[in-house]
Amino acid sequence: MQTLSAGLSWGAGLATPSPSMTVNPDVVTPGFVGFAAVALVAVVVVFLVIDMLRRIRRAGYRADVNEQLDAEAQAQADAAVEASDVDDQDIDPRDDDTRR
């Protein structure tokens, strides 16, 4: 136990090294080129988002128009079926013009 505490006290007496600046901070910063690259990416992302929203809105309008056209076509088909339905009681074989 004695050697362990002696080793710890010996290590506590050493000074901790301070980091020294060996690299010029002006050389490692992104500078104007880095700023321009990030700004360009940001502008492209904004334009892509605007274009995506416009396309989504247009697709929604097309879906609404297609739904209306389908409803109109179904209504016309229903009207044609109702117009072609003939009640059997309305037909009198004696009044038939073909008279076979």
C-alpha atoms as a PDB file:
ATOM      1  CA  MET A   1       0.000   0.000   0.000  1.00  0.00           C
ATOM      2  CA  GLN A   2       2.904   2.250   0.729  1.00  0.00           C
ATOM      3  CA  THR A   3       4.291   2.031  -2.820  1.00  0.00           C
ATOM      4  CA  LEU A   4       0.971   2.801  -4.398  1.00  0.00           C
ATOM      5  CA  SER A   5       0.496   6.023  -2.454  1.00  0.00           C
ATOM      6  CA  ALA A   6       4.098   7.021  -3.133  1.00  0.00           C
ATOM      7  CA  GLY A   7       3.614   6.526  -6.852  1.00  0.00           C
ATOM      8  CA  LEU A   8       0.470   8.603  -6.837  1.00  0.00           C
ATOM      9  CA  SER A   9       2.101  11.466  -4.979  1.00  0.00           C
ATOM     10  CA  TRP A  10       5.079  11.412  -7.356  1.00  0.00           C
ATOM     11  CA  GLY A  11       2.734  11.669 -10.414  1.00  0.00           C
ATOM     12  CA  ALA A  12       0.822  14.539  -8.847  1.00  0.00           C
ATOM     13  CA  GLY A  13       3.932  16.675  -8.718  1.00  0.00           C
ATOM     14  CA  LEU A  14       4.383  16.701 -12.497  1.00  0.00           C
ATOM     15  CA  ALA A  15       3.027  19.648 -14.433  1.00  0.00           C
ATOM     16  CA  THR A  16       0.391  18.918 -17.025  1.00  0.00           C
ATOM     17  CA  PRO A  17       1.509  19.884 -20.471  1.00  0.00           C
ATOM     18  CA  SER A  18      -0.428  22.656 -22.173  1.00  0.00           C
ATOM     19  CA  PRO A  19      -1.231  22.254 -25.830  1.00  0.00           C
ATOM     20  CA  SER A  20       0.828  24.422 -28.076  1.00  0.00           C
ATOM     21  CA  MET A  21      -0.538  25.921 -31.259  1.00  0.00           C
ATOM     22  CA  THR A  22       1.409  24.397 -34.124  1.00  0.00           C
ATOM     23  CA  VAL A  23      -1.093  25.115 -36.907  1.00  0.00           C
ATOM     24  CA  ASN A  24      -1.948  28.522 -38.289  1.00  0.00           C
ATOM     25  CA  PRO A  25      -5.725  28.992 -37.709  1.00  0.00           C
ATOM     26  CA  ASP A  26      -6.057  31.125 -40.854  1.00  0.00           C
ATOM     27  CA  VAL A  27      -4.879  28.219 -43.000  1.00  0.00           C
ATOM     28  CA  VAL A  28      -7.317  25.608 -41.647  1.00  0.00           C
ATOM     29  CA  THR A  29     -10.504  27.701 -41.691  1.00  0.00           C
ATOM     30  CA  PRO A  30     -12.895  27.178 -44.585  1.00  0.00           C
ATOM     31  CA  GLY A  31     -12.675  30.805 -45.634  1.00  0.00           C
ATOM     32  CA  PHE A  32     -14.691  32.292 -48.470  1.00  0.00           C
ATOM     33  CA  VAL A  33     -14.669  29.098 -50.556  1.00  0.00           C
ATOM     34  CA  GLY A  34     -16.250  27.113 -47.722  1.00  0.00           C
ATOM     35  CA  PHE A  35     -18.839  29.819 -47.124  1.00  0.00           C
ATOM     36  CA  ALA A  36     -19.665  29.987 -50.835  1.00  0.00           C
ATOM     37  CA  ALA A  37     -20.062  26.186 -51.025  1.00  0.00           C
ATOM     38  CA  VAL A  38     -22.418  26.083 -48.030  1.00  0.00           C
ATOM     39  CA  ALA A  39     -24.402  29.073 -49.340  1.00  0.00           C
ATOM     40  CA  LEU A  40     -24.738  27.415 -52.748  1.00  0.00           C
ATOM     41  CA  VAL A  41     -26.002  24.189 -51.167  1.00  0.00           C
ATOM     42  CA  ALA A  42     -28.520  26.181 -49.092  1.00  0.00           C
ATOM     43  CA  VAL A  43     -29.837  28.035 -52.158  1.00  0.00           C
ATOM     44  CA  VAL A  44     -30.163  24.780 -54.122  1.00  0.00           C
ATOM     45  CA  VAL A  45     -32.064  23.168 -51.236  1.00  0.00           C
ATOM     46  CA  VAL A  46     -34.483  26.116 -51.052  1.00  0.00           C
ATOM     47  CA  PHE A  47     -35.190  25.895 -54.800  1.00  0.00           C
ATOM     48  CA  LEU A  48     -35.687  22.130 -54.581  1.00  0.00           C
ATOM     49  CA  VAL A  49     -38.170  22.518 -51.714  1.00  0.00           C
ATOM     50  CA  ILE A  50     -40.124  25.156 -53.657  1.00  0.00           C
ATOM     51  CA  ASP A  51     -40.199  22.920 -56.738  1.00  0.00           C
ATOM     52  CA  MET A  52     -41.286  19.903 -54.677  1.00  0.00           C
ATOM     53  CA  LEU A  53     -44.146  21.839 -53.091  1.00  0.00           C
ATOM     54  CA  ARG A  54     -45.292  23.069 -56.498  1.00  0.00           C
ATOM     55  CA  ARG A  55     -45.277  19.520 -57.882  1.00  0.00           C
ATOM     56  CA  ILE A  56     -47.190  18.162 -54.883  1.00  0.00           C
ATOM     57  CA  ARG A  57     -49.802  20.897 -55.227  1.00  0.00           C
ATOM     58  CA  ARG A  58     -50.151  20.202 -58.968  1.00  0.00           C
ATOM     59  CA  ALA A  59     -50.588  16.473 -58.310  1.00  0.00           C
ATOM     60  CA  GLY A  60     -53.350  17.274 -55.814  1.00  0.00           C
ATOM     61  CA  TYR A  61     -55.151  19.439 -58.369  1.00  0.00           C
ATOM     62  CA  ARG A  62     -54.884  16.686 -60.963  1.00  0.00           C
ATOM     63  CA  ALA A  63     -56.323  14.159 -58.536  1.00  0.00           C
ATOM     64  CA  ASP A  64     -59.266  16.474 -57.812  1.00  0.00           C
ATOM     65  CA  VAL A  65     -59.951  16.987 -61.531  1.00  0.00           C
ATOM     66  CA  ASN A  66     -59.728  13.247 -62.218  1.00  0.00           C
ATOM     67  CA  GLU A  67     -62.147  12.594 -59.360  1.00  0.00           C
ATOM     68  CA  GLN A  68     -64.627  15.109 -60.786  1.00  0.00           C
ATOM     69  CA  LEU A  69     -64.326  13.611 -64.278  1.00  0.00           C
ATOM     70  CA  ASP A  70     -64.895  10.111 -62.895  1.00  0.00           C
ATOM     71  CA  ALA A  71     -67.975  11.315 -60.991  1.00  0.00           C
ATOM     72  CA  GLU A  72     -69.380  12.963 -64.118  1.00  0.00           C
ATOM     73  CA  ALA A  73     -68.737   9.842 -66.191  1.00  0.00           C
ATOM     74  CA  GLN A  74     -70.439   7.689 -63.556  1.00  0.00           C
ATOM     75  CA  ALA A  75     -73.424  10.045 -63.475  1.00  0.00           C
ATOM     76  CA  GLN A  76     -73.725   9.878 -67.274  1.00  0.00           C
ATOM     77  CA  ALA A  77     -73.482   6.096 -67.180  1.00  0.00           C
ATOM     78  CA  ASP A  78     -76.180   5.934 -64.503  1.00  0.00           C
ATOM     79  CA  ALA A  79     -78.413   8.241 -66.543  1.00  0.00           C
ATOM     80  CA  ALA A  80     -77.918   6.072 -69.637  1.00  0.00           C
ATOM     81  CA  VAL A  81     -78.819   2.936 -67.690  1.00  0.00           C
ATOM     82  CA  GLU A  82     -81.963   4.582 -66.336  1.00  0.00           C
ATOM     83  CA  ALA A  83     -82.939   5.769 -69.793  1.00  0.00           C
ATOM     84  CA  SER A  84     -82.451   2.309 -71.273  1.00  0.00           C
ATOM     85  CA  ASP A  85     -84.441   0.521 -68.572  1.00  0.00           C
ATOM     86  CA  VAL A  86     -87.791  -0.473 -69.984  1.00  0.00           C
ATOM     87  CA  ASP A  87     -90.599  -1.583 -67.809  1.00  0.00           C
ATOM     88  CA  ASP A  88     -92.094  -4.830 -69.067  1.00  0.00           C
ATOM     89  CA  GLN A  89     -95.590  -3.628 -68.262  1.00  0.00           C
ATOM     90  CA  ASP A  90     -95.236  -0.751 -70.718  1.00  0.00           C
ATOM     91  CA  ILE A  91     -94.786  -3.121 -73.639  1.00  0.00           C
ATOM     92  CA  ASP A  92     -97.977  -4.424 -75.193  1.00  0.00           C
ATOM     93  CA  PRO A  93     -97.354  -7.120 -77.760  1.00  0.00           C
ATOM     94  CA  ARG A  94    -100.557  -6.179 -79.592  1.00  0.00           C
ATOM     95  CA  ASP A  95     -99.294  -2.637 -80.213  1.00  0.00           C
ATOM     96  CA  ASP A  96     -96.074  -3.857 -81.717  1.00  0.00           C
ATOM     97  CA  ASP A  97     -95.444  -2.253 -85.117  1.00  0.00           C
ATOM     98  CA  THR A  98     -93.549  -5.251 -86.447  1.00  0.00           C
ATOM     99  CA  ARG A  99     -96.624  -7.577 -86.395  1.00  0.00           C
ATOM    100  CA  ARG A 100     -95.122 -10.858 -87.184  1.00  0.00           C
END
